[in-house]
Amino acid sequence: MSPSFLNSWPSGRIGLVCGLRLLVLSPLLTSGRPSNCSHPLVPEHGGFRCSPSPCRGFPPKSFIRFFCEPGYHISSKEPNSKCRHGKWFPPIPACIKDGPNMRSSE
């Protein structure tokens, strides 16, 4: 480094504060933009629909609705999931086989 550059760099408390701010902000500066989510796992005996449809990658704020085949139900109270910070929230549910009390007998 040239001596003129070193002389222009803040010293003391100001330099410490500037350095700490850069350290804290560096993940935001390097990431550039929010992360896409990976393709969601498809529940066994079920699937999902994208909004907006058709599915074109999974950018932040993508929304999916899970469904199950007849004779199965979603394990979660919430059948929807949204891409936030590169992850699906809430997590992907499972499809559980209906019990004898869940459907009328055939």
PDB file of N, CA and C in Angstrom:
ATOM      1  N   MET A   1       0.839  -1.178   0.000  1.00  0.00           N
ATOM      2  CA  MET A   1       0.000   0.000   0.000  1.00  0.00           C
ATOM      3  C   MET A   1       0.880   1.236   0.000  1.00  0.00           C
ATOM      4  N   SER A   2       0.413   2.233  -0.677  1.00  0.00           N
ATOM      5  CA  SER A   2       1.202   3.462  -0.745  1.00  0.00           C
ATOM      6  C   SER A   2       1.033   4.265   0.541  1.00  0.00           C
ATOM      7  N   PRO A   3       2.048   5.031   0.908  1.00  0.00           N
ATOM      8  CA  PRO A   3       1.962   5.839   2.131  1.00  0.00           C
ATOM      9  C   PRO A   3       0.810   6.831   2.094  1.00  0.00           C
ATOM     10  N   SER A   4       0.476   7.371   0.907  1.00  0.00           N
ATOM     11  CA  SER A   4      -0.625   8.338   0.838  1.00  0.00           C
ATOM     12  C   SER A   4      -1.958   7.670   1.176  1.00  0.00           C
ATOM     13  N   PHE A   5      -2.131   6.413   0.777  1.00  0.00           N
ATOM     14  CA  PHE A   5      -3.362   5.692   1.105  1.00  0.00           C
ATOM     15  C   PHE A   5      -3.453   5.469   2.614  1.00  0.00           C
ATOM     16  N   LEU A   6      -2.351   5.060   3.212  1.00  0.00           N
ATOM     17  CA  LEU A   6      -2.350   4.823   4.651  1.00  0.00           C
ATOM     18  C   LEU A   6      -2.629   6.095   5.431  1.00  0.00           C
ATOM     19  N   ASN A   7      -2.150   7.216   4.937  1.00  0.00           N
ATOM     20  CA  ASN A   7      -2.394   8.481   5.627  1.00  0.00           C
ATOM     21  C   ASN A   7      -3.849   8.912   5.526  1.00  0.00           C
ATOM     22  N   SER A   8      -4.552   8.498   4.468  1.00  0.00           N
ATOM     23  CA  SER A   8      -5.945   8.899   4.302  1.00  0.00           C
ATOM     24  C   SER A   8      -6.903   7.983   5.068  1.00  0.00           C
ATOM     25  N   TRP A   9      -6.438   6.815   5.504  1.00  0.00           N
ATOM     26  CA  TRP A   9      -7.294   5.874   6.236  1.00  0.00           C
ATOM     27  C   TRP A   9      -7.556   6.407   7.643  1.00  0.00           C
ATOM     28  N   PRO A  10      -8.841   6.394   8.086  1.00  0.00           N
ATOM     29  CA  PRO A  10      -9.150   6.899   9.424  1.00  0.00           C
ATOM     30  C   PRO A  10      -8.444   6.069  10.497  1.00  0.00           C
ATOM     31  N   SER A  11      -8.076   6.734  11.571  1.00  0.00           N
ATOM     32  CA  SER A  11      -7.383   6.020  12.641  1.00  0.00           C
ATOM     33  C   SER A  11      -8.172   6.129  13.933  1.00  0.00           C
ATOM     34  N   GLY A  12      -7.746   5.376  14.929  1.00  0.00           N
ATOM     35  CA  GLY A  12      -8.374   5.446  16.238  1.00  0.00           C
ATOM     36  C   GLY A  12      -9.780   4.892  16.225  1.00  0.00           C
ATOM     37  N   ARG A  13     -10.656   5.538  17.001  1.00  0.00           N
ATOM     38  CA  ARG A  13     -12.040   5.071  17.133  1.00  0.00           C
ATOM     39  C   ARG A  13     -12.791   5.091  15.808  1.00  0.00           C
ATOM     40  N   ILE A  14     -12.570   6.120  15.006  1.00  0.00           N
ATOM     41  CA  ILE A  14     -13.266   6.229  13.717  1.00  0.00           C
ATOM     42  C   ILE A  14     -12.902   5.043  12.835  1.00  0.00           C
ATOM     43  N   GLY A  15     -11.636   4.703  12.784  1.00  0.00           N
ATOM     44  CA  GLY A  15     -11.205   3.556  11.985  1.00  0.00           C
ATOM     45  C   GLY A  15     -11.804   2.263  12.492  1.00  0.00           C
ATOM     46  N   LEU A  16     -11.878   2.106  13.803  1.00  0.00           N
ATOM     47  CA  LEU A  16     -12.457   0.906  14.395  1.00  0.00           C
ATOM     48  C   LEU A  16     -13.939   0.794  14.052  1.00  0.00           C
ATOM     49  N   VAL A  17     -14.667   1.892  14.162  1.00  0.00           N
ATOM     50  CA  VAL A  17     -16.095   1.896  13.846  1.00  0.00           C
ATOM     51  C   VAL A  17     -16.316   1.580  12.370  1.00  0.00           C
ATOM     52  N   CYS A  18     -15.545   2.203  11.487  1.00  0.00           N
ATOM     53  CA  CYS A  18     -15.680   1.936  10.047  1.00  0.00           C
ATOM     54  C   CYS A  18     -15.369   0.475   9.739  1.00  0.00           C
ATOM     55  N   GLY A  19     -14.322  -0.045  10.350  1.00  0.00           N
ATOM     56  CA  GLY A  19     -13.954  -1.443  10.125  1.00  0.00           C
ATOM     57  C   GLY A  19     -15.028  -2.399  10.600  1.00  0.00           C
ATOM     58  N   LEU A  20     -15.613  -2.131  11.764  1.00  0.00           N
ATOM     59  CA  LEU A  20     -16.685  -2.983  12.281  1.00  0.00           C
ATOM     60  C   LEU A  20     -17.918  -2.926  11.390  1.00  0.00           C
ATOM     61  N   ARG A  21     -18.255  -1.751  10.907  1.00  0.00           N
ATOM     62  CA  ARG A  21     -19.411  -1.631  10.007  1.00  0.00           C
ATOM     63  C   ARG A  21     -19.197  -2.435   8.731  1.00  0.00           C
ATOM     64  N   LEU A  22     -18.001  -2.352   8.164  1.00  0.00           N
ATOM     65  CA  LEU A  22     -17.706  -3.142   6.964  1.00  0.00           C
ATOM     66  C   LEU A  22     -17.808  -4.631   7.251  1.00  0.00           C
ATOM     67  N   LEU A  23     -17.326  -5.055   8.394  1.00  0.00           N
ATOM     68  CA  LEU A  23     -17.382  -6.463   8.762  1.00  0.00           C
ATOM     69  C   LEU A  23     -18.821  -6.938   8.902  1.00  0.00           C
ATOM     70  N   VAL A  24     -19.660  -6.128   9.529  1.00  0.00           N
ATOM     71  CA  VAL A  24     -21.063  -6.486   9.723  1.00  0.00           C
ATOM     72  C   VAL A  24     -21.822  -6.471   8.405  1.00  0.00           C
ATOM     73  N   LEU A  25     -21.543  -5.505   7.554  1.00  0.00           N
ATOM     74  CA  LEU A  25     -22.270  -5.370   6.296  1.00  0.00           C
ATOM     75  C   LEU A  25     -21.730  -6.253   5.181  1.00  0.00           C
ATOM     76  N   SER A  26     -20.567  -6.850   5.338  1.00  0.00           N
ATOM     77  CA  SER A  26     -19.960  -7.606   4.238  1.00  0.00           C
ATOM     78  C   SER A  26     -20.834  -8.732   3.705  1.00  0.00           C
ATOM     79  N   PRO A  27     -21.568  -9.510   4.540  1.00  0.00           N
ATOM     80  CA  PRO A  27     -22.438 -10.531   3.949  1.00  0.00           C
ATOM     81  C   PRO A  27     -23.516  -9.927   3.060  1.00  0.00           C
ATOM     82  N   LEU A  28     -24.037  -8.760   3.464  1.00  0.00           N
ATOM     83  CA  LEU A  28     -25.059  -8.110   2.643  1.00  0.00           C
ATOM     84  C   LEU A  28     -24.469  -7.590   1.342  1.00  0.00           C
ATOM     85  N   LEU A  29     -23.248  -7.089   1.405  1.00  0.00           N
ATOM     86  CA  LEU A  29     -22.613  -6.541   0.209  1.00  0.00           C
ATOM     87  C   LEU A  29     -22.215  -7.641  -0.765  1.00  0.00           C
ATOM     88  N   THR A  30     -21.807  -8.799  -0.258  1.00  0.00           N
ATOM     89  CA  THR A  30     -21.357  -9.868  -1.151  1.00  0.00           C
ATOM     90  C   THR A  30     -22.508 -10.696  -1.684  1.00  0.00           C
ATOM     91  N   SER A  31     -23.600 -10.794  -0.934  1.00  0.00           N
ATOM     92  CA  SER A  31     -24.693 -11.637  -1.406  1.00  0.00           C
ATOM     93  C   SER A  31     -25.411 -11.001  -2.586  1.00  0.00           C
ATOM     94  N   GLY A  32     -25.530  -9.696  -2.611  1.00  0.00           N
ATOM     95  CA  GLY A  32     -26.127  -9.015  -3.748  1.00  0.00           C
ATOM     96  C   GLY A  32     -27.633  -9.085  -3.800  1.00  0.00           C
ATOM     97  N   ARG A  33     -28.197 -10.262  -3.633  1.00  0.00           N
ATOM     98  CA  ARG A  33     -29.648 -10.402  -3.702  1.00  0.00           C
ATOM     99  C   ARG A  33     -30.079 -11.607  -2.876  1.00  0.00           C
ATOM    100  N   PRO A  34     -31.363 -11.661  -2.539  1.00  0.00           N
ATOM    101  CA  PRO A  34     -31.851 -12.783  -1.740  1.00  0.00           C
ATOM    102  C   PRO A  34     -31.689 -14.112  -2.482  1.00  0.00           C
ATOM    103  N   SER A  35     -31.571 -15.181  -1.729  1.00  0.00           N
ATOM    104  CA  SER A  35     -31.353 -16.510  -2.307  1.00  0.00           C
ATOM    105  C   SER A  35     -32.646 -17.142  -2.791  1.00  0.00           C
ATOM    106  N   ASN A  36     -32.553 -17.838  -3.922  1.00  0.00           N
ATOM    107  CA  ASN A  36     -33.663 -18.655  -4.394  1.00  0.00           C
ATOM    108  C   ASN A  36     -33.766 -19.893  -3.518  1.00  0.00           C
ATOM    109  N   CYS A  37     -34.932 -20.501  -3.492  1.00  0.00           N
ATOM    110  CA  CYS A  37     -35.111 -21.772  -2.800  1.00  0.00           C
ATOM    111  C   CYS A  37     -34.806 -22.907  -3.763  1.00  0.00           C
ATOM    112  N   SER A  38     -34.394 -24.030  -3.211  1.00  0.00           N
ATOM    113  CA  SER A  38     -34.183 -25.214  -4.039  1.00  0.00           C
ATOM    114  C   SER A  38     -35.553 -25.797  -4.390  1.00  0.00           C
ATOM    115  N   HIS A  39     -35.567 -26.681  -5.379  1.00  0.00           N
ATOM    116  CA  HIS A  39     -36.817 -27.343  -5.754  1.00  0.00           C
ATOM    117  C   HIS A  39     -37.340 -28.067  -4.523  1.00  0.00           C
ATOM    118  N   PRO A  40     -38.605 -27.833  -4.137  1.00  0.00           N
ATOM    119  CA  PRO A  40     -39.115 -28.487  -2.927  1.00  0.00           C
ATOM    120  C   PRO A  40     -39.235 -29.994  -3.119  1.00  0.00           C
ATOM    121  N   LEU A  41     -39.058 -30.721  -2.031  1.00  0.00           N
ATOM    122  CA  LEU A  41     -39.279 -32.160  -2.074  1.00  0.00           C
ATOM    123  C   LEU A  41     -40.759 -32.399  -2.310  1.00  0.00           C
ATOM    124  N   VAL A  42     -41.064 -33.388  -3.125  1.00  0.00           N
ATOM    125  CA  VAL A  42     -42.455 -33.724  -3.403  1.00  0.00           C
ATOM    126  C   VAL A  42     -42.887 -34.755  -2.370  1.00  0.00           C
ATOM    127  N   PRO A  43     -43.958 -34.478  -1.613  1.00  0.00           N
ATOM    128  CA  PRO A  43     -44.377 -35.460  -0.618  1.00  0.00           C
ATOM    129  C   PRO A  43     -44.799 -36.769  -1.295  1.00  0.00           C
ATOM    130  N   GLU A  44     -44.424 -37.887  -0.687  1.00  0.00           N
ATOM    131  CA  GLU A  44     -44.863 -39.184  -1.206  1.00  0.00           C
ATOM    132  C   GLU A  44     -46.380 -39.217  -1.127  1.00  0.00           C
ATOM    133  N   HIS A  45     -47.043 -39.648  -2.185  1.00  0.00           N
ATOM    134  CA  HIS A  45     -48.507 -39.684  -2.316  1.00  0.00           C
ATOM    135  C   HIS A  45     -49.093 -38.279  -2.388  1.00  0.00           C
ATOM    136  N   GLY A  46     -48.327 -37.340  -2.944  1.00  0.00           N
ATOM    137  CA  GLY A  46     -48.833 -35.984  -3.065  1.00  0.00           C
ATOM    138  C   GLY A  46     -48.039 -35.174  -4.067  1.00  0.00           C
ATOM    139  N   GLY A  47     -48.209 -33.886  -4.021  1.00  0.00           N
ATOM    140  CA  GLY A  47     -47.506 -32.986  -4.926  1.00  0.00           C
ATOM    141  C   GLY A  47     -47.705 -31.550  -4.482  1.00  0.00           C
ATOM    142  N   PHE A  48     -47.385 -30.613  -5.389  1.00  0.00           N
ATOM    143  CA  PHE A  48     -47.584 -29.198  -5.083  1.00  0.00           C
ATOM    144  C   PHE A  48     -47.887 -28.435  -6.357  1.00  0.00           C
ATOM    145  N   ARG A  49     -48.503 -27.276  -6.185  1.00  0.00           N
ATOM    146  CA  ARG A  49     -48.770 -26.343  -7.282  1.00  0.00           C
ATOM    147  C   ARG A  49     -48.068 -25.032  -6.958  1.00  0.00           C
ATOM    148  N   CYS A  50     -47.554 -24.393  -7.996  1.00  0.00           N
ATOM    149  CA  CYS A  50     -46.831 -23.126  -7.816  1.00  0.00           C
ATOM    150  C   CYS A  50     -47.751 -21.936  -8.021  1.00  0.00           C
ATOM    151  N   SER A  51     -47.417 -20.861  -7.358  1.00  0.00           N
ATOM    152  CA  SER A  51     -48.074 -19.592  -7.599  1.00  0.00           C
ATOM    153  C   SER A  51     -46.977 -18.532  -7.663  1.00  0.00           C
ATOM    154  N   PRO A  52     -46.799 -17.874  -8.774  1.00  0.00           N
ATOM    155  CA  PRO A  52     -47.563 -18.015 -10.011  1.00  0.00           C
ATOM    156  C   PRO A  52     -47.209 -19.303 -10.742  1.00  0.00           C
ATOM    157  N   SER A  53     -48.150 -19.746 -11.542  1.00  0.00           N
ATOM    158  CA  SER A  53     -47.980 -20.976 -12.303  1.00  0.00           C
ATOM    159  C   SER A  53     -47.656 -20.595 -13.738  1.00  0.00           C
ATOM    160  N   PRO A  54     -46.861 -21.313 -14.462  1.00  0.00           N
ATOM    161  CA  PRO A  54     -46.141 -22.532 -14.091  1.00  0.00           C
ATOM    162  C   PRO A  54     -44.919 -22.201 -13.237  1.00  0.00           C
ATOM    163  N   CYS A  55     -44.349 -23.243 -12.625  1.00  0.00           N
ATOM    164  CA  CYS A  55     -43.142 -23.079 -11.797  1.00  0.00           C
ATOM    165  C   CYS A  55     -41.984 -22.683 -12.704  1.00  0.00           C
ATOM    166  N   ARG A  56     -41.315 -21.590 -12.364  1.00  0.00           N
ATOM    167  CA  ARG A  56     -40.123 -21.148 -13.115  1.00  0.00           C
ATOM    168  C   ARG A  56     -39.046 -20.789 -12.114  1.00  0.00           C
ATOM    169  N   GLY A  57     -38.400 -21.807 -11.592  1.00  0.00           N
ATOM    170  CA  GLY A  57     -37.435 -21.558 -10.533  1.00  0.00           C
ATOM    171  C   GLY A  57     -38.201 -21.215  -9.270  1.00  0.00           C
ATOM    172  N   PHE A  58     -37.500 -20.915  -8.230  1.00  0.00           N
ATOM    173  CA  PHE A  58     -38.158 -20.609  -6.969  1.00  0.00           C
ATOM    174  C   PHE A  58     -37.511 -19.390  -6.326  1.00  0.00           C
ATOM    175  N   PRO A  59     -37.771 -18.194  -6.906  1.00  0.00           N
ATOM    176  CA  PRO A  59     -37.199 -16.969  -6.346  1.00  0.00           C
ATOM    177  C   PRO A  59     -37.831 -16.641  -4.992  1.00  0.00           C
ATOM    178  N   PRO A  60     -37.228 -15.720  -4.250  1.00  0.00           N
ATOM    179  CA  PRO A  60     -37.810 -15.316  -2.969  1.00  0.00           C
ATOM    180  C   PRO A  60     -39.276 -14.921  -3.136  1.00  0.00           C
ATOM    181  N   LYS A  61     -40.062 -15.243  -2.145  1.00  0.00           N
ATOM    182  CA  LYS A  61     -41.503 -14.979  -2.088  1.00  0.00           C
ATOM    183  C   LYS A  61     -42.314 -15.904  -2.978  1.00  0.00           C
ATOM    184  N   SER A  62     -41.677 -16.933  -3.597  1.00  0.00           N
ATOM    185  CA  SER A  62     -42.449 -17.939  -4.332  1.00  0.00           C
ATOM    186  C   SER A  62     -43.380 -18.625  -3.343  1.00  0.00           C
ATOM    187  N   PHE A  63     -44.510 -19.060  -3.843  1.00  0.00           N
ATOM    188  CA  PHE A  63     -45.546 -19.628  -2.992  1.00  0.00           C
ATOM    189  C   PHE A  63     -45.956 -20.964  -3.587  1.00  0.00           C
ATOM    190  N   ILE A  64     -46.015 -22.017  -2.778  1.00  0.00           N
ATOM    191  CA  ILE A  64     -46.479 -23.318  -3.263  1.00  0.00           C
ATOM    192  C   ILE A  64     -47.559 -23.852  -2.331  1.00  0.00           C
ATOM    193  N   ARG A  65     -48.495 -24.608  -2.922  1.00  0.00           N
ATOM    194  CA  ARG A  65     -49.588 -25.231  -2.156  1.00  0.00           C
ATOM    195  C   ARG A  65     -49.479 -26.735  -2.342  1.00  0.00           C
ATOM    196  N   PHE A  66     -49.405 -27.450  -1.237  1.00  0.00           N
ATOM    197  CA  PHE A  66     -49.277 -28.905  -1.267  1.00  0.00           C
ATOM    198  C   PHE A  66     -50.643 -29.562  -1.296  1.00  0.00           C
ATOM    199  N   PHE A  67     -50.691 -30.749  -1.895  1.00  0.00           N
ATOM    200  CA  PHE A  67     -51.914 -31.545  -1.910  1.00  0.00           C
ATOM    201  C   PHE A  67     -51.529 -33.010  -1.782  1.00  0.00           C
ATOM    202  N   CYS A  68     -52.510 -33.844  -1.417  1.00  0.00           N
ATOM    203  CA  CYS A  68     -52.286 -35.285  -1.280  1.00  0.00           C
ATOM    204  C   CYS A  68     -53.250 -36.042  -2.183  1.00  0.00           C
ATOM    205  N   GLU A  69     -52.852 -37.259  -2.553  1.00  0.00           N
ATOM    206  CA  GLU A  69     -53.712 -38.137  -3.344  1.00  0.00           C
ATOM    207  C   GLU A  69     -54.938 -38.514  -2.509  1.00  0.00           C
ATOM    208  N   PRO A  70     -56.014 -38.953  -3.181  1.00  0.00           N
ATOM    209  CA  PRO A  70     -57.179 -39.432  -2.425  1.00  0.00           C
ATOM    210  C   PRO A  70     -56.764 -40.553  -1.465  1.00  0.00           C
ATOM    211  N   GLY A  71     -57.318 -40.519  -0.259  1.00  0.00           N
ATOM    212  CA  GLY A  71     -56.974 -41.513   0.755  1.00  0.00           C
ATOM    213  C   GLY A  71     -55.829 -41.079   1.655  1.00  0.00           C
ATOM    214  N   TYR A  72     -55.286 -39.865   1.413  1.00  0.00           N
ATOM    215  CA  TYR A  72     -54.193 -39.318   2.218  1.00  0.00           C
ATOM    216  C   TYR A  72     -54.543 -37.890   2.609  1.00  0.00           C
ATOM    217  N   HIS A  73     -53.939 -37.412   3.689  1.00  0.00           N
ATOM    218  CA  HIS A  73     -54.140 -36.022   4.113  1.00  0.00           C
ATOM    219  C   HIS A  73     -52.793 -35.411   4.499  1.00  0.00           C
ATOM    220  N   ILE A  74     -52.734 -34.090   4.456  1.00  0.00           N
ATOM    221  CA  ILE A  74     -51.497 -33.366   4.768  1.00  0.00           C
ATOM    222  C   ILE A  74     -51.259 -33.396   6.276  1.00  0.00           C
ATOM    223  N   SER A  75     -50.019 -33.659   6.664  1.00  0.00           N
ATOM    224  CA  SER A  75     -49.651 -33.779   8.083  1.00  0.00           C
ATOM    225  C   SER A  75     -49.685 -32.451   8.823  1.00  0.00           C
ATOM    226  N   SER A  76     -49.649 -31.370   8.102  1.00  0.00           N
ATOM    227  CA  SER A  76     -49.582 -30.037   8.705  1.00  0.00           C
ATOM    228  C   SER A  76     -50.926 -29.333   8.587  1.00  0.00           C
ATOM    229  N   LYS A  77     -51.182 -28.385   9.483  1.00  0.00           N
ATOM    230  CA  LYS A  77     -52.398 -27.565   9.369  1.00  0.00           C
ATOM    231  C   LYS A  77     -52.265 -26.572   8.225  1.00  0.00           C
ATOM    232  N   GLU A  78     -51.041 -26.282   7.842  1.00  0.00           N
ATOM    233  CA  GLU A  78     -50.768 -25.289   6.796  1.00  0.00           C
ATOM    234  C   GLU A  78     -50.304 -25.987   5.519  1.00  0.00           C
ATOM    235  N   PRO A  79     -51.138 -25.992   4.460  1.00  0.00           N
ATOM    236  CA  PRO A  79     -50.741 -26.657   3.212  1.00  0.00           C
ATOM    237  C   PRO A  79     -49.875 -25.782   2.301  1.00  0.00           C
ATOM    238  N   ASN A  80     -49.609 -24.541   2.719  1.00  0.00           N
ATOM    239  CA  ASN A  80     -48.845 -23.610   1.887  1.00  0.00           C
ATOM    240  C   ASN A  80     -47.443 -23.414   2.444  1.00  0.00           C
ATOM    241  N   SER A  81     -46.512 -23.105   1.549  1.00  0.00           N
ATOM    242  CA  SER A  81     -45.143 -22.812   1.951  1.00  0.00           C
ATOM    243  C   SER A  81     -44.638 -21.661   1.087  1.00  0.00           C
ATOM    244  N   LYS A  82     -43.777 -20.816   1.663  1.00  0.00           N
ATOM    245  CA  LYS A  82     -43.251 -19.641   0.965  1.00  0.00           C
ATOM    246  C   LYS A  82     -41.731 -19.646   1.043  1.00  0.00           C
ATOM    247  N   CYS A  83     -41.085 -19.238  -0.055  1.00  0.00           N
ATOM    248  CA  CYS A  83     -39.624 -19.163  -0.103  1.00  0.00           C
ATOM    249  C   CYS A  83     -39.173 -17.901   0.619  1.00  0.00           C
ATOM    250  N   ARG A  84     -38.398 -18.098   1.703  1.00  0.00           N
ATOM    251  CA  ARG A  84     -37.853 -16.972   2.467  1.00  0.00           C
ATOM    252  C   ARG A  84     -36.389 -17.244   2.765  1.00  0.00           C
ATOM    253  N   HIS A  85     -35.528 -16.348   2.341  1.00  0.00           N
ATOM    254  CA  HIS A  85     -34.089 -16.448   2.625  1.00  0.00           C
ATOM    255  C   HIS A  85     -33.512 -17.790   2.176  1.00  0.00           C
ATOM    256  N   GLY A  86     -33.998 -18.301   1.039  1.00  0.00           N
ATOM    257  CA  GLY A  86     -33.454 -19.544   0.487  1.00  0.00           C
ATOM    258  C   GLY A  86     -34.003 -20.814   1.099  1.00  0.00           C
ATOM    259  N   LYS A  87     -35.039 -20.709   1.951  1.00  0.00           N
ATOM    260  CA  LYS A  87     -35.628 -21.898   2.585  1.00  0.00           C
ATOM    261  C   LYS A  87     -37.143 -21.817   2.525  1.00  0.00           C
ATOM    262  N   TRP A  88     -37.787 -22.984   2.551  1.00  0.00           N
ATOM    263  CA  TRP A  88     -39.242 -23.051   2.531  1.00  0.00           C
ATOM    264  C   TRP A  88     -39.781 -22.954   3.955  1.00  0.00           C
ATOM    265  N   PHE A  89     -40.751 -22.041   4.158  1.00  0.00           N
ATOM    266  CA  PHE A  89     -41.405 -21.873   5.454  1.00  0.00           C
ATOM    267  C   PHE A  89     -42.905 -21.880   5.267  1.00  0.00           C
ATOM    268  N   PRO A  90     -43.658 -22.641   6.022  1.00  0.00           N
ATOM    269  CA  PRO A  90     -43.175 -23.686   6.907  1.00  0.00           C
ATOM    270  C   PRO A  90     -42.562 -24.827   6.099  1.00  0.00           C
ATOM    271  N   PRO A  91     -41.879 -25.751   6.777  1.00  0.00           N
ATOM    272  CA  PRO A  91     -41.235 -26.864   6.065  1.00  0.00           C
ATOM    273  C   PRO A  91     -42.241 -27.715   5.293  1.00  0.00           C
ATOM    274  N   ILE A  92     -41.718 -28.506   4.367  1.00  0.00           N
ATOM    275  CA  ILE A  92     -42.538 -29.353   3.500  1.00  0.00           C
ATOM    276  C   ILE A  92     -43.297 -30.385   4.346  1.00  0.00           C
ATOM    277  N   PRO A  93     -44.637 -30.475   4.185  1.00  0.00           N
ATOM    278  CA  PRO A  93     -45.405 -31.463   4.952  1.00  0.00           C
ATOM    279  C   PRO A  93     -45.324 -32.854   4.321  1.00  0.00           C
ATOM    280  N   ALA A  94     -45.869 -33.828   5.016  1.00  0.00           N
ATOM    281  CA  ALA A  94     -45.956 -35.201   4.502  1.00  0.00           C
ATOM    282  C   ALA A  94     -47.422 -35.515   4.230  1.00  0.00           C
ATOM    283  N   CYS A  95     -47.669 -36.529   3.409  1.00  0.00           N
ATOM    284  CA  CYS A  95     -49.025 -37.026   3.185  1.00  0.00           C
ATOM    285  C   CYS A  95     -49.182 -38.308   4.002  1.00  0.00           C
ATOM    286  N   ILE A  96     -50.185 -38.335   4.863  1.00  0.00           N
ATOM    287  CA  ILE A  96     -50.416 -39.458   5.768  1.00  0.00           C
ATOM    288  C   ILE A  96     -51.683 -40.183   5.339  1.00  0.00           C
ATOM    289  N   LYS A  97     -51.603 -41.512   5.346  1.00  0.00           N
ATOM    290  CA  LYS A  97     -52.764 -42.328   4.954  1.00  0.00           C
ATOM    291  C   LYS A  97     -53.908 -42.066   5.921  1.00  0.00           C
ATOM    292  N   ASP A  98     -55.109 -41.877   5.350  1.00  0.00           N
ATOM    293  CA  ASP A  98     -56.295 -41.660   6.171  1.00  0.00           C
ATOM    294  C   ASP A  98     -56.562 -42.890   7.027  1.00  0.00           C
ATOM    295  N   GLY A  99     -57.010 -42.661   8.250  1.00  0.00           N
ATOM    296  CA  GLY A  99     -57.394 -43.754   9.142  1.00  0.00           C
ATOM    297  C   GLY A  99     -58.833 -44.164   8.875  1.00  0.00           C
ATOM    298  N   PRO A 100     -59.317 -45.211   9.548  1.00  0.00           N
ATOM    299  CA  PRO A 100     -60.685 -45.694   9.313  1.00  0.00           C
ATOM    300  C   PRO A 100     -61.749 -44.663   9.694  1.00  0.00           C
ATOM    301  N   ASN A 101     -61.449 -43.753  10.605  1.00  0.00           N
ATOM    302  CA  ASN A 101     -62.431 -42.747  11.027  1.00  0.00           C
ATOM    303  C   ASN A 101     -62.413 -41.494  10.161  1.00  0.00           C
ATOM    304  N   MET A 102     -61.485 -41.418   9.220  1.00  0.00           N
ATOM    305  CA  MET A 102     -61.347 -40.195   8.434  1.00  0.00           C
ATOM    306  C   MET A 102     -62.179 -40.198   7.165  1.00  0.00           C
ATOM    307  N   ARG A 103     -62.609 -41.357   6.680  1.00  0.00           N
ATOM    308  CA  ARG A 103     -63.432 -41.389   5.476  1.00  0.00           C
ATOM    309  C   ARG A 103     -64.563 -42.385   5.668  1.00  0.00           C
ATOM    310  N   SER A 104     -65.586 -42.207   4.901  1.00  0.00           N
ATOM    311  CA  SER A 104     -66.722 -43.121   5.022  1.00  0.00           C
ATOM    312  C   SER A 104     -66.353 -44.481   4.447  1.00  0.00           C
ATOM    313  N   SER A 105     -66.914 -45.540   4.995  1.00  0.00           N
ATOM    314  CA  SER A 105     -66.592 -46.896   4.516  1.00  0.00           C
ATOM    315  C   SER A 105     -67.228 -47.130   3.160  1.00  0.00           C
ATOM    316  N   GLU A 106     -66.546 -47.916   2.358  1.00  0.00           N
ATOM    317  CA  GLU A 106     -67.024 -48.155   0.991  1.00  0.00           C
ATOM    318  C   GLU A 106     -67.745 -49.481   0.909  1.00  0.00           C
TER     319      GLU A 106
END
